[in-house]
Amino acid sequence: MTRRLLDPPLHEFLPHADPEIRDLANKIGTTIEHLKQVRQSLFENNPMLGHRGSRLGISFPEIYKAQARAILEAACELRKQGVKGDAGDHGCR
């Protein structure tokens, strides 16, 4: 199995349309204006020169920490279910 960590432009993960922006702002307890500012600050004209690959992890290490944790938790869950891989059960409880 190949696992790729997230590396597309971050603004793509935020809503584009005003009703969706309003819903997300309400859910996370911020203003519509703030969410639009954040989205604009994440926008990249040329993503290949911006936050791709390791550069994203350097700027936002919490993103890679969350992804690494999700990968390890999924591997441990599969191990509990009896699925065997070639990496063993390092750290699985």
Protein backbone atom coordinates (compact mmCIF):
# COMPACT_ATOMS: atom_id res chain seq x y z
CA MET A 1 0.00 0.00 0.00
CA THR A 2 1.18 3.49 -0.75
CA ARG A 3 0.24 6.29 1.61
CA ARG A 4 0.49 9.88 0.44
CA LEU A 5 0.25 12.72 2.86
CA LEU A 6 -1.89 15.72 2.09
CA ASP A 7 -0.28 18.25 -0.20
CA PRO A 8 -2.86 20.06 -2.35
CA PRO A 9 -3.32 23.81 -1.93
CA LEU A 10 -4.94 24.39 1.47
CA HIS A 11 -7.50 26.89 0.21
CA GLU A 12 -9.14 23.99 -1.65
CA PHE A 13 -10.27 22.55 1.70
CA LEU A 14 -12.34 25.58 2.59
CA PRO A 15 -15.74 26.29 1.07
CA HIS A 16 -16.06 28.58 -1.94
CA ALA A 17 -19.71 29.65 -1.87
CA ASP A 18 -21.01 32.19 0.64
CA PRO A 19 -23.70 29.92 2.16
CA GLU A 20 -21.10 27.21 2.81
CA ILE A 21 -18.65 29.74 4.23
CA ARG A 22 -21.37 31.05 6.55
CA ASP A 23 -22.22 27.52 7.73
CA LEU A 24 -18.59 26.68 8.46
CA ALA A 25 -18.00 30.01 10.22
CA ASN A 26 -20.99 29.32 12.46
CA LYS A 27 -19.81 25.78 13.20
CA ILE A 28 -16.31 26.80 14.22
CA GLY A 29 -17.30 30.01 16.00
CA THR A 30 -15.71 32.61 13.78
CA THR A 31 -16.90 35.33 11.45
CA ILE A 32 -17.51 34.99 7.74
CA GLU A 33 -15.01 37.77 7.12
CA HIS A 34 -12.29 36.00 9.12
CA LEU A 35 -12.85 32.73 7.28
CA LYS A 36 -12.66 34.52 3.93
CA GLN A 37 -9.40 36.19 5.04
CA VAL A 38 -7.94 32.83 6.05
CA ARG A 39 -8.98 31.27 2.76
CA GLN A 40 -7.42 34.15 0.82
CA SER A 41 -4.18 33.91 2.82
CA LEU A 42 -3.91 30.22 1.89
CA PHE A 43 -4.54 30.78 -1.82
CA GLU A 44 -1.59 30.03 -4.09
CA ASN A 45 -1.25 31.19 -7.68
CA ASN A 46 1.32 28.50 -8.40
CA PRO A 47 0.91 25.64 -5.89
CA MET A 48 4.08 23.93 -7.15
CA LEU A 49 6.06 26.82 -5.67
CA GLY A 50 4.01 27.06 -2.49
CA HIS A 51 2.98 24.71 0.26
CA ARG A 52 3.47 21.32 -1.37
CA GLY A 53 5.01 18.23 0.12
CA SER A 54 7.42 18.82 2.96
CA ARG A 55 6.98 22.61 2.87
CA LEU A 56 3.38 22.16 4.02
CA GLY A 57 4.55 20.03 6.96
CA ILE A 58 7.14 22.63 7.94
CA SER A 59 4.60 25.47 7.95
CA PHE A 60 1.76 23.47 9.47
CA PRO A 61 3.27 20.50 11.39
CA GLU A 62 -0.09 19.77 13.02
CA ILE A 63 -1.43 18.62 9.63
CA TYR A 64 1.23 15.94 9.26
CA LYS A 65 0.96 14.94 12.92
CA ALA A 66 -2.76 14.34 12.46
CA GLN A 67 -2.20 12.36 9.26
CA ALA A 68 0.57 10.24 10.79
CA ARG A 69 -1.63 9.48 13.78
CA ALA A 70 -4.54 8.49 11.51
CA ILE A 71 -2.30 6.16 9.50
CA LEU A 72 -0.91 4.50 12.62
CA GLU A 73 -4.32 4.15 14.27
CA ALA A 74 -5.74 2.58 11.10
CA ALA A 75 -2.81 0.14 10.92
CA CYS A 76 -3.29 -0.81 14.57
CA GLU A 77 -7.02 -1.32 14.04
CA LEU A 78 -6.38 -3.59 11.07
CA ARG A 79 -3.82 -5.52 13.11
CA LYS A 80 -6.45 -6.05 15.85
CA GLN A 81 -8.78 -7.41 13.17
CA GLY A 82 -6.14 -9.94 12.16
CA VAL A 83 -4.90 -8.24 9.01
CA LYS A 84 -1.16 -8.79 8.77
CA GLY A 85 1.24 -6.49 7.02
CA ASP A 86 4.94 -6.62 6.49
CA ALA A 87 5.71 -3.87 9.02
CA GLY A 88 4.74 -5.87 12.11
CA ASP A 89 2.77 -4.46 15.00
CA HIS A 90 5.14 -1.78 16.24
CA GLY A 91 3.41 0.17 18.98
CA CYS A 92 -0.07 -1.30 18.46
CA ARG A 93 -2.06 -1.97 21.61
